[in-house]
Structures are given as structure tokens and as C-alpha cells.
């Protein structure tokens, strides 16, 4: 029988560095199979990379201010981005064409996510609203507006039946879109990022006090706190991959 010491150690050094942005990198997203990644930042651009070969493939321009988040559809054909110019851009990956530009928030937008079918976008921003957009329609108004936050919405996770949102007001709101119910967890610290475990039973929150907090979604119980970071935390909990934290002019992985 193999001992626990035989388990693969978590990597301690980066396996590659992607350089190209002319300012801080604000978000990094891998596509579904992990073959490509997208970055965006203060230089107002999005960039598509082959991280395994260290190659820059394409640059997307159009935003008027910093680009704070990017999402990629499950079939790799579409992108969505948002940022300081208060717009959500819906892109064709191959051509770089802007298919839609949704002008719906009254302030900077922090996060954008596709639903599982990739025909709807969900965004959250400094105006304390979460808004839902139909990618198939030419209507530039949201199909749903979610309220209830007392400060900026910083992070969103979309599942088949729920929208989970973290906010600077120190809460995580879970909206059941089928039942029309909302559950609120109070962390008493500004939430900068949220991610769900694979089984959906736990939520991991990165907070402005440089700590990670793991909560049981069924009971709201705080299961653990993790400390060690010295800056605000942007996190990604995906499969068996180790936690990714980013902030700077280049992306390390």
C-alpha cells in the first residue's frame, strides 16, 4: 500500500512565465481543456496564449479602460470581458470581432461569467448590482437585475441552478434561480473572490484581510481559515489543480 508521503508534492516554483502586458495583469482564465489561457489587465487588452509553449496567439482591443475579468465559453468560440469602462464585451475568439457590447452598469464592472449553456452572461460591479444578459438577443438591457448588496460585487460563480456572489460588504449571496430563494453567509471581511469545491458543498472565499475562508454551504459553518498571503487574494479552485494567485505585470503558473 502506498504511503501518504508518496503523494505528489504541490509545486513550489513556476513552470513558466508569460510576458506581454504593459501593465498589471488583473485576471487569468484557462479554457475548458487547459490548452490555452486568457489574460487581461490595466493596458486595456485581452491576450490569448498557449501557456505550454509560451506563445502569444492573439490580442483583443476595444476596451476604453482597464479590463478586469474575462470568461471563455465551453466550446472555446466566444469570450466575454468587462472592466473600468462599464461595458461588457462579447467577442468572437477566432476573428476578434466584438459581437455585442452591453452598456448596463452604472460603475466599473468587476466580474463576468457564462452560464453552462454559454447563452447567458452574468456580471457584477461597483454599482452593487448583479445583471444577467442574453447573448442571443440584440436587446442591450439585462434580462434580470439582482439586488441586495451594500457594496461592490467582486466575484461571481454560476452553476446550473445558482448564482453565487462575493461582495466587499463581507457577504456571500447564493441565489437559487429556480426556487427564487437567497441564502447569505456573513464573513465580516470584504470578499475579493469566491470559488466552489468540485462537489459543490463548500465555498472558498478570498478576503481583503489576506486570508482564505472555507465554508460549508449547507450549514454556513466556517470550516477553516488559511493565512500567509500579504496582499488581496484572487483565487481559482479547479479540479485537482493547486490554488492560483495572481497580481503583477506577468502571469506565473
C-alpha atoms as a PDB file:
ATOM      1  CA  UNK A   1       0.000   0.000   0.000  1.00  0.00           C
ATOM      2  CA  UNK A   2       1.339   3.431  -0.911  1.00  0.00           C
ATOM      3  CA  UNK A   3       2.011   5.782   1.974  1.00  0.00           C
ATOM      4  CA  UNK A   4       0.732   9.350   2.123  1.00  0.00           C
ATOM      5  CA  UNK A   5       4.324  10.547   1.749  1.00  0.00           C
ATOM      6  CA  UNK A   6       4.284   9.171  -1.782  1.00  0.00           C
ATOM      7  CA  UNK A   7       1.633  11.683  -2.802  1.00  0.00           C
ATOM      8  CA  UNK A   8       2.752  14.187  -5.371  1.00  0.00           C
ATOM      9  CA  UNK A   9       4.038  17.375  -3.757  1.00  0.00           C
ATOM     10  CA  UNK A  10       2.495  20.705  -4.626  1.00  0.00           C
ATOM     11  CA  UNK A  11       4.845  22.615  -6.996  1.00  0.00           C
ATOM     12  CA  UNK A  12       6.884  25.314  -5.273  1.00  0.00           C
ATOM     13  CA  UNK A  13       8.203  27.153  -8.357  1.00  0.00           C
ATOM     14  CA  UNK A  14       6.546  28.396 -11.530  1.00  0.00           C
ATOM     15  CA  UNK A  15       6.742  26.214 -14.632  1.00  0.00           C
ATOM     16  CA  UNK A  16       6.520  29.164 -16.999  1.00  0.00           C
ATOM     17  CA  UNK A  17       6.190  32.939 -17.320  1.00  0.00           C
ATOM     18  CA  UNK A  18       4.085  34.706 -19.955  1.00  0.00           C
ATOM     19  CA  UNK A  19       5.177  38.260 -20.728  1.00  0.00           C
ATOM     20  CA  UNK A  20       3.458  40.820 -22.907  1.00  0.00           C
ATOM     21  CA  UNK A  21       1.100  43.029 -20.942  1.00  0.00           C
ATOM     22  CA  UNK A  22       2.163  46.640 -20.448  1.00  0.00           C
ATOM     23  CA  UNK A  23       0.618  46.915 -17.005  1.00  0.00           C
ATOM     24  CA  UNK A  24      -0.738  44.821 -14.146  1.00  0.00           C
ATOM     25  CA  UNK A  25      -2.489  41.568 -15.058  1.00  0.00           C
ATOM     26  CA  UNK A  26      -5.910  41.611 -13.394  1.00  0.00           C
ATOM     27  CA  UNK A  27      -7.341  38.215 -14.390  1.00  0.00           C
ATOM     28  CA  UNK A  28      -6.251  34.877 -15.844  1.00  0.00           C
ATOM     29  CA  UNK A  29      -8.579  32.181 -17.187  1.00  0.00           C
ATOM     30  CA  UNK A  30      -7.847  28.809 -18.768  1.00  0.00           C
ATOM     31  CA  UNK A  31     -10.148  27.320 -21.380  1.00  0.00           C
ATOM     32  CA  UNK A  32     -12.039  24.123 -20.555  1.00  0.00           C
ATOM     33  CA  UNK A  33      -9.325  21.610 -21.512  1.00  0.00           C
ATOM     34  CA  UNK A  34      -6.446  23.750 -20.212  1.00  0.00           C
ATOM     35  CA  UNK A  35      -4.722  24.022 -23.586  1.00  0.00           C
ATOM     36  CA  UNK A  36      -4.984  27.820 -23.749  1.00  0.00           C
ATOM     37  CA  UNK A  37      -5.320  30.704 -21.338  1.00  0.00           C
ATOM     38  CA  UNK A  38      -6.577  34.273 -21.476  1.00  0.00           C
ATOM     39  CA  UNK A  39      -5.246  37.256 -19.584  1.00  0.00           C
ATOM     40  CA  UNK A  40      -6.424  40.841 -19.221  1.00  0.00           C
ATOM     41  CA  UNK A  41      -5.222  43.921 -17.415  1.00  0.00           C
ATOM     42  CA  UNK A  42      -4.593  47.600 -16.994  1.00  0.00           C
ATOM     43  CA  UNK A  43      -3.235  48.002 -20.531  1.00  0.00           C
ATOM     44  CA  UNK A  44      -6.863  47.656 -21.761  1.00  0.00           C
ATOM     45  CA  UNK A  45      -6.191  44.452 -23.693  1.00  0.00           C
ATOM     46  CA  UNK A  46      -7.079  40.773 -23.583  1.00  0.00           C
ATOM     47  CA  UNK A  47      -4.469  38.257 -24.699  1.00  0.00           C
ATOM     48  CA  UNK A  48      -4.793  34.649 -25.798  1.00  0.00           C
ATOM     49  CA  UNK A  49      -1.842  32.355 -25.031  1.00  0.00           C
ATOM     50  CA  UNK A  50      -0.581  28.847 -25.474  1.00  0.00           C
ATOM     51  CA  UNK A  51       0.968  28.647 -21.984  1.00  0.00           C
ATOM     52  CA  UNK A  52       2.619  25.281 -22.570  1.00  0.00           C
ATOM     53  CA  UNK A  53       4.719  26.691 -25.413  1.00  0.00           C
ATOM     54  CA  UNK A  54       4.920  30.250 -24.064  1.00  0.00           C
ATOM     55  CA  UNK A  55       3.322  31.683 -27.207  1.00  0.00           C
ATOM     56  CA  UNK A  56       1.134  34.786 -27.534  1.00  0.00           C
ATOM     57  CA  UNK A  57      -1.568  33.926 -30.095  1.00  0.00           C
ATOM     58  CA  UNK A  58      -3.867  36.940 -30.312  1.00  0.00           C
ATOM     59  CA  UNK A  59      -4.521  40.344 -28.720  1.00  0.00           C
ATOM     60  CA  UNK A  60      -8.048  41.746 -28.383  1.00  0.00           C
ATOM     61  CA  UNK A  61      -8.529  45.514 -28.144  1.00  0.00           C
ATOM     62  CA  UNK A  62     -11.613  47.672 -27.726  1.00  0.00           C
ATOM     63  CA  UNK A  63     -11.990  48.481 -24.050  1.00  0.00           C
ATOM     64  CA  UNK A  64     -11.620  52.124 -23.082  1.00  0.00           C
ATOM     65  CA  UNK A  65     -10.187  51.428 -19.631  1.00  0.00           C
ATOM     66  CA  UNK A  66      -8.656  48.558 -17.657  1.00  0.00           C
ATOM     67  CA  UNK A  67     -10.037  45.072 -18.337  1.00  0.00           C
ATOM     68  CA  UNK A  68     -10.811  43.393 -15.019  1.00  0.00           C
ATOM     69  CA  UNK A  69     -12.157  39.989 -15.983  1.00  0.00           C
ATOM     70  CA  UNK A  70     -12.506  37.607 -18.920  1.00  0.00           C
ATOM     71  CA  UNK A  71     -14.577  34.455 -19.405  1.00  0.00           C
ATOM     72  CA  UNK A  72     -14.427  31.854 -22.180  1.00  0.00           C
ATOM     73  CA  UNK A  73     -17.305  29.731 -23.483  1.00  0.00           C
ATOM     74  CA  UNK A  74     -17.130  25.950 -23.104  1.00  0.00           C
ATOM     75  CA  UNK A  75     -16.751  25.456 -26.872  1.00  0.00           C
ATOM     76  CA  UNK A  76     -13.876  27.993 -26.982  1.00  0.00           C
ATOM     77  CA  UNK A  77     -15.612  30.076 -29.664  1.00  0.00           C
ATOM     78  CA  UNK A  78     -16.651  33.117 -27.608  1.00  0.00           C
ATOM     79  CA  UNK A  79     -15.170  35.418 -24.965  1.00  0.00           C
ATOM     80  CA  UNK A  80     -16.709  37.874 -22.553  1.00  0.00           C
ATOM     81  CA  UNK A  81     -14.837  40.691 -20.830  1.00  0.00           C
ATOM     82  CA  UNK A  82     -15.582  43.610 -18.536  1.00  0.00           C
ATOM     83  CA  UNK A  83     -13.818  46.452 -16.775  1.00  0.00           C
ATOM     84  CA  UNK A  84     -13.480  50.078 -15.905  1.00  0.00           C
ATOM     85  CA  UNK A  85     -15.346  51.384 -18.943  1.00  0.00           C
ATOM     86  CA  UNK A  86     -18.626  49.956 -17.536  1.00  0.00           C
ATOM     87  CA  UNK A  87     -19.255  47.754 -20.575  1.00  0.00           C
ATOM     88  CA  UNK A  88     -19.417  44.003 -21.146  1.00  0.00           C
ATOM     89  CA  UNK A  89     -17.836  42.906 -24.426  1.00  0.00           C
ATOM     90  CA  UNK A  90     -18.911  39.677 -26.142  1.00  0.00           C
ATOM     91  CA  UNK A  91     -16.233  38.524 -28.619  1.00  0.00           C
ATOM     92  CA  UNK A  92     -15.664  36.041 -31.417  1.00  0.00           C
ATOM     93  CA  UNK A  93     -12.421  34.284 -30.440  1.00  0.00           C
ATOM     94  CA  UNK A  94     -11.153  33.495 -33.927  1.00  0.00           C
ATOM     95  CA  UNK A  95     -11.802  36.826 -35.647  1.00  0.00           C
ATOM     96  CA  UNK A  96     -11.503  39.147 -32.645  1.00  0.00           C
ATOM     97  CA  UNK A  97     -14.796  40.773 -33.648  1.00  0.00           C
ATOM     98  CA  UNK A  98     -16.968  42.349 -30.948  1.00  0.00           C
ATOM     99  CA  UNK A  99     -20.381  40.663 -31.341  1.00  0.00           C
ATOM    100  CA  UNK A 100     -22.190  42.613 -28.617  1.00  0.00           C
ATOM    101  CA  UNK A 101     -21.341  45.399 -26.223  1.00  0.00           C
ATOM    102  CA  UNK A 102     -23.682  45.593 -23.257  1.00  0.00           C
ATOM    103  CA  UNK A 103     -23.694  49.048 -21.552  1.00  0.00           C
ATOM    104  CA  UNK A 104     -25.605  48.141 -18.431  1.00  0.00           C
ATOM    105  CA  UNK A 105     -23.758  49.036 -15.209  1.00  0.00           C
ATOM    106  CA  UNK A 106     -23.542  52.481 -13.633  1.00  0.00           C
ATOM    107  CA  UNK A 107     -19.957  51.961 -12.475  1.00  0.00           C
ATOM    108  CA  UNK A 108     -16.924  49.752 -13.066  1.00  0.00           C
ATOM    109  CA  UNK A 109     -17.597  46.036 -13.635  1.00  0.00           C
ATOM    110  CA  UNK A 110     -15.511  43.529 -11.680  1.00  0.00           C
ATOM    111  CA  UNK A 111     -16.615  40.101 -12.884  1.00  0.00           C
ATOM    112  CA  UNK A 112     -18.332  38.368 -15.807  1.00  0.00           C
ATOM    113  CA  UNK A 113     -19.322  34.696 -16.166  1.00  0.00           C
ATOM    114  CA  UNK A 114     -21.056  32.469 -18.721  1.00  0.00           C
ATOM    115  CA  UNK A 115     -23.847  30.115 -17.724  1.00  0.00           C
ATOM    116  CA  UNK A 116     -23.376  26.416 -18.514  1.00  0.00           C
ATOM    117  CA  UNK A 117     -25.084  26.732 -21.916  1.00  0.00           C
ATOM    118  CA  UNK A 118     -22.989  29.827 -22.739  1.00  0.00           C
ATOM    119  CA  UNK A 119     -26.015  31.758 -23.985  1.00  0.00           C
ATOM    120  CA  UNK A 120     -26.276  33.987 -20.913  1.00  0.00           C
ATOM    121  CA  UNK A 121     -23.754  36.260 -19.196  1.00  0.00           C
ATOM    122  CA  UNK A 122     -23.795  37.315 -15.536  1.00  0.00           C
ATOM    123  CA  UNK A 123     -21.916  40.426 -14.384  1.00  0.00           C
ATOM    124  CA  UNK A 124     -21.295  42.251 -11.120  1.00  0.00           C
ATOM    125  CA  UNK A 125     -19.753  45.597 -10.306  1.00  0.00           C
ATOM    126  CA  UNK A 126     -19.213  48.661  -8.182  1.00  0.00           C
ATOM    127  CA  UNK A 127     -22.862  49.703  -8.537  1.00  0.00           C
ATOM    128  CA  UNK A 128     -23.809  46.855  -6.122  1.00  0.00           C
ATOM    129  CA  UNK A 129     -25.864  45.007  -8.753  1.00  0.00           C
ATOM    130  CA  UNK A 130     -25.634  41.640 -10.480  1.00  0.00           C
ATOM    131  CA  UNK A 131     -27.064  41.691 -14.001  1.00  0.00           C
ATOM    132  CA  UNK A 132     -27.972  38.883 -16.388  1.00  0.00           C
ATOM    133  CA  UNK A 133     -27.655  39.276 -20.172  1.00  0.00           C
ATOM    134  CA  UNK A 134     -28.963  37.291 -23.152  1.00  0.00           C
ATOM    135  CA  UNK A 135     -26.114  36.734 -25.625  1.00  0.00           C
ATOM    136  CA  UNK A 136     -28.529  35.722 -28.394  1.00  0.00           C
ATOM    137  CA  UNK A 137     -30.617  38.888 -28.280  1.00  0.00           C
ATOM    138  CA  UNK A 138     -29.875  42.294 -29.754  1.00  0.00           C
ATOM    139  CA  UNK A 139     -31.576  43.835 -26.715  1.00  0.00           C
ATOM    140  CA  UNK A 140     -28.988  45.837 -24.783  1.00  0.00           C
ATOM    141  CA  UNK A 141     -30.881  45.747 -21.469  1.00  0.00           C
ATOM    142  CA  UNK A 142     -30.408  42.994 -18.866  1.00  0.00           C
ATOM    143  CA  UNK A 143     -32.995  40.232 -18.643  1.00  0.00           C
ATOM    144  CA  UNK A 144     -32.629  40.183 -14.855  1.00  0.00           C
ATOM    145  CA  UNK A 145     -31.228  42.522 -12.192  1.00  0.00           C
ATOM    146  CA  UNK A 146     -30.293  41.132  -8.762  1.00  0.00           C
ATOM    147  CA  UNK A 147     -30.136  43.470  -5.769  1.00  0.00           C
ATOM    148  CA  UNK A 148     -29.325  43.060  -2.093  1.00  0.00           C
ATOM    149  CA  UNK A 149     -25.674  44.099  -1.841  1.00  0.00           C
ATOM    150  CA  UNK A 150     -24.467  47.003   0.290  1.00  0.00           C
ATOM    151  CA  UNK A 151     -21.134  47.371  -1.515  1.00  0.00           C
ATOM    152  CA  UNK A 152     -19.279  46.357  -4.671  1.00  0.00           C
ATOM    153  CA  UNK A 153     -19.819  42.863  -6.120  1.00  0.00           C
ATOM    154  CA  UNK A 154     -16.358  41.406  -6.683  1.00  0.00           C
ATOM    155  CA  UNK A 155     -16.770  37.782  -7.745  1.00  0.00           C
ATOM    156  CA  UNK A 156     -19.417  35.502  -9.297  1.00  0.00           C
ATOM    157  CA  UNK A 157     -19.812  31.751  -9.775  1.00  0.00           C
ATOM    158  CA  UNK A 158     -22.643  30.428 -11.971  1.00  0.00           C
ATOM    159  CA  UNK A 159     -23.920  26.838 -11.664  1.00  0.00           C
ATOM    160  CA  UNK A 160     -26.869  25.058 -13.275  1.00  0.00           C
ATOM    161  CA  UNK A 161     -29.285  26.449 -10.696  1.00  0.00           C
ATOM    162  CA  UNK A 162     -27.442  29.090  -8.659  1.00  0.00           C
ATOM    163  CA  UNK A 163     -25.591  32.375  -8.860  1.00  0.00           C
ATOM    164  CA  UNK A 164     -23.030  32.735  -6.046  1.00  0.00           C
ATOM    165  CA  UNK A 165     -21.661  36.239  -5.446  1.00  0.00           C
ATOM    166  CA  UNK A 166     -18.998  37.698  -3.160  1.00  0.00           C
ATOM    167  CA  UNK A 167     -19.067  41.337  -2.102  1.00  0.00           C
ATOM    168  CA  UNK A 168     -16.983  43.968  -0.363  1.00  0.00           C
ATOM    169  CA  UNK A 169     -19.836  44.202   2.155  1.00  0.00           C
ATOM    170  CA  UNK A 170     -18.454  40.987   3.697  1.00  0.00           C
ATOM    171  CA  UNK A 171     -21.137  38.628   2.436  1.00  0.00           C
ATOM    172  CA  UNK A 172     -21.552  35.727   0.041  1.00  0.00           C
ATOM    173  CA  UNK A 173     -25.028  35.635  -1.504  1.00  0.00           C
ATOM    174  CA  UNK A 174     -26.330  32.440  -3.114  1.00  0.00           C
ATOM    175  CA  UNK A 175     -29.331  32.992  -5.380  1.00  0.00           C
ATOM    176  CA  UNK A 176     -31.370  29.900  -6.284  1.00  0.00           C
ATOM    177  CA  UNK A 177     -32.680  30.915  -9.705  1.00  0.00           C
ATOM    178  CA  UNK A 178     -35.160  28.017  -9.880  1.00  0.00           C
ATOM    179  CA  UNK A 179     -36.732  28.438  -6.451  1.00  0.00           C
ATOM    180  CA  UNK A 180     -36.331  32.214  -6.193  1.00  0.00           C
ATOM    181  CA  UNK A 181     -34.561  31.979  -2.836  1.00  0.00           C
ATOM    182  CA  UNK A 182     -31.421  33.621  -1.472  1.00  0.00           C
ATOM    183  CA  UNK A 183     -29.008  32.462   1.254  1.00  0.00           C
ATOM    184  CA  UNK A 184     -26.498  34.902   2.754  1.00  0.00           C
ATOM    185  CA  UNK A 185     -23.266  33.974   4.543  1.00  0.00           C
ATOM    186  CA  UNK A 186     -21.617  36.714   6.615  1.00  0.00           C
ATOM    187  CA  UNK A 187     -17.812  36.696   6.756  1.00  0.00           C
ATOM    188  CA  UNK A 188     -17.296  40.160   8.307  1.00  0.00           C
ATOM    189  CA  UNK A 189     -14.414  40.752   5.880  1.00  0.00           C
ATOM    190  CA  UNK A 190     -14.510  42.170   2.366  1.00  0.00           C
ATOM    191  CA  UNK A 191     -14.705  39.270  -0.114  1.00  0.00           C
ATOM    192  CA  UNK A 192     -12.487  39.622  -3.200  1.00  0.00           C
ATOM    193  CA  UNK A 193     -13.038  36.209  -4.808  1.00  0.00           C
ATOM    194  CA  UNK A 194     -15.182  33.085  -4.461  1.00  0.00           C
ATOM    195  CA  UNK A 195     -14.805  29.554  -5.817  1.00  0.00           C
ATOM    196  CA  UNK A 196     -16.772  26.333  -5.275  1.00  0.00           C
ATOM    197  CA  UNK A 197     -15.438  22.879  -4.492  1.00  0.00           C
ATOM    198  CA  UNK A 198     -15.986  20.135  -7.090  1.00  0.00           C
ATOM    199  CA  UNK A 199     -18.833  18.571  -5.115  1.00  0.00           C
ATOM    200  CA  UNK A 200     -20.457  21.974  -4.602  1.00  0.00           C
ATOM    201  CA  UNK A 201     -20.678  21.548  -0.840  1.00  0.00           C
ATOM    202  CA  UNK A 202     -18.012  24.126   0.079  1.00  0.00           C
ATOM    203  CA  UNK A 203     -17.178  27.670  -0.939  1.00  0.00           C
ATOM    204  CA  UNK A 204     -13.678  29.127  -0.653  1.00  0.00           C
ATOM    205  CA  UNK A 205     -13.543  32.897  -0.231  1.00  0.00           C
ATOM    206  CA  UNK A 206     -10.508  35.126  -0.660  1.00  0.00           C
ATOM    207  CA  UNK A 207     -10.751  38.189   1.556  1.00  0.00           C
ATOM    208  CA  UNK A 208      -9.210  41.640   1.752  1.00  0.00           C
ATOM    209  CA  UNK A 209      -7.520  40.762   5.055  1.00  0.00           C
ATOM    210  CA  UNK A 210      -5.249  38.350   3.090  1.00  0.00           C
ATOM    211  CA  UNK A 211      -6.984  35.231   4.412  1.00  0.00           C
ATOM    212  CA  UNK A 212      -8.826  32.376   2.711  1.00  0.00           C
ATOM    213  CA  UNK A 213     -12.012  31.139   4.358  1.00  0.00           C
ATOM    214  CA  UNK A 214     -13.603  27.749   3.684  1.00  0.00           C
ATOM    215  CA  UNK A 215     -17.334  27.481   4.419  1.00  0.00           C
ATOM    216  CA  UNK A 216     -19.830  24.621   4.420  1.00  0.00           C
ATOM    217  CA  UNK A 217     -22.549  25.787   2.035  1.00  0.00           C
ATOM    218  CA  UNK A 218     -25.246  23.651   3.664  1.00  0.00           C
ATOM    219  CA  UNK A 219     -24.777  24.984   7.199  1.00  0.00           C
ATOM    220  CA  UNK A 220     -22.794  28.203   6.734  1.00  0.00           C
ATOM    221  CA  UNK A 221     -20.178  26.880   9.177  1.00  0.00           C
ATOM    222  CA  UNK A 222     -16.662  28.280   8.858  1.00  0.00           C
ATOM    223  CA  UNK A 223     -14.584  25.131   8.379  1.00  0.00           C
ATOM    224  CA  UNK A 224     -11.127  26.665   8.220  1.00  0.00           C
ATOM    225  CA  UNK A 225      -9.069  29.809   7.697  1.00  0.00           C
ATOM    226  CA  UNK A 226      -5.818  29.946   5.747  1.00  0.00           C
ATOM    227  CA  UNK A 227      -3.286  32.765   6.026  1.00  0.00           C
ATOM    228  CA  UNK A 228       0.099  33.575   4.557  1.00  0.00           C
ATOM    229  CA  UNK A 229      -0.632  35.949   1.688  1.00  0.00           C
ATOM    230  CA  UNK A 230       0.424  39.572   2.056  1.00  0.00           C
ATOM    231  CA  UNK A 231      -1.957  41.145  -0.459  1.00  0.00           C
ATOM    232  CA  UNK A 232      -5.565  40.830  -1.524  1.00  0.00           C
ATOM    233  CA  UNK A 233      -6.279  37.377  -2.909  1.00  0.00           C
ATOM    234  CA  UNK A 234      -7.652  36.359  -6.286  1.00  0.00           C
ATOM    235  CA  UNK A 235      -8.128  32.598  -6.331  1.00  0.00           C
ATOM    236  CA  UNK A 236      -9.110  29.688  -8.507  1.00  0.00           C
ATOM    237  CA  UNK A 237     -10.099  26.296  -7.110  1.00  0.00           C
ATOM    238  CA  UNK A 238     -10.434  23.961 -10.088  1.00  0.00           C
ATOM    239  CA  UNK A 239     -10.238  20.168 -10.008  1.00  0.00           C
ATOM    240  CA  UNK A 240      -7.001  18.871  -8.534  1.00  0.00           C
ATOM    241  CA  UNK A 241      -5.014  21.950  -9.518  1.00  0.00           C
ATOM    242  CA  UNK A 242      -3.293  23.899  -6.729  1.00  0.00           C
ATOM    243  CA  UNK A 243      -4.550  27.341  -5.846  1.00  0.00           C
ATOM    244  CA  UNK A 244      -3.555  30.001  -8.353  1.00  0.00           C
ATOM    245  CA  UNK A 245      -2.944  33.539  -7.096  1.00  0.00           C
ATOM    246  CA  UNK A 246      -2.028  36.379  -9.432  1.00  0.00           C
ATOM    247  CA  UNK A 247      -1.151  40.048  -9.352  1.00  0.00           C
ATOM    248  CA  UNK A 248       1.511  41.766 -11.425  1.00  0.00           C
ATOM    249  CA  UNK A 249       2.712  42.504 -14.963  1.00  0.00           C
ATOM    250  CA  UNK A 250       3.141  38.870 -15.920  1.00  0.00           C
ATOM    251  CA  UNK A 251       1.432  35.561 -15.248  1.00  0.00           C
ATOM    252  CA  UNK A 252       3.239  32.727 -13.483  1.00  0.00           C
ATOM    253  CA  UNK A 253       1.991  29.160 -13.283  1.00  0.00           C
END
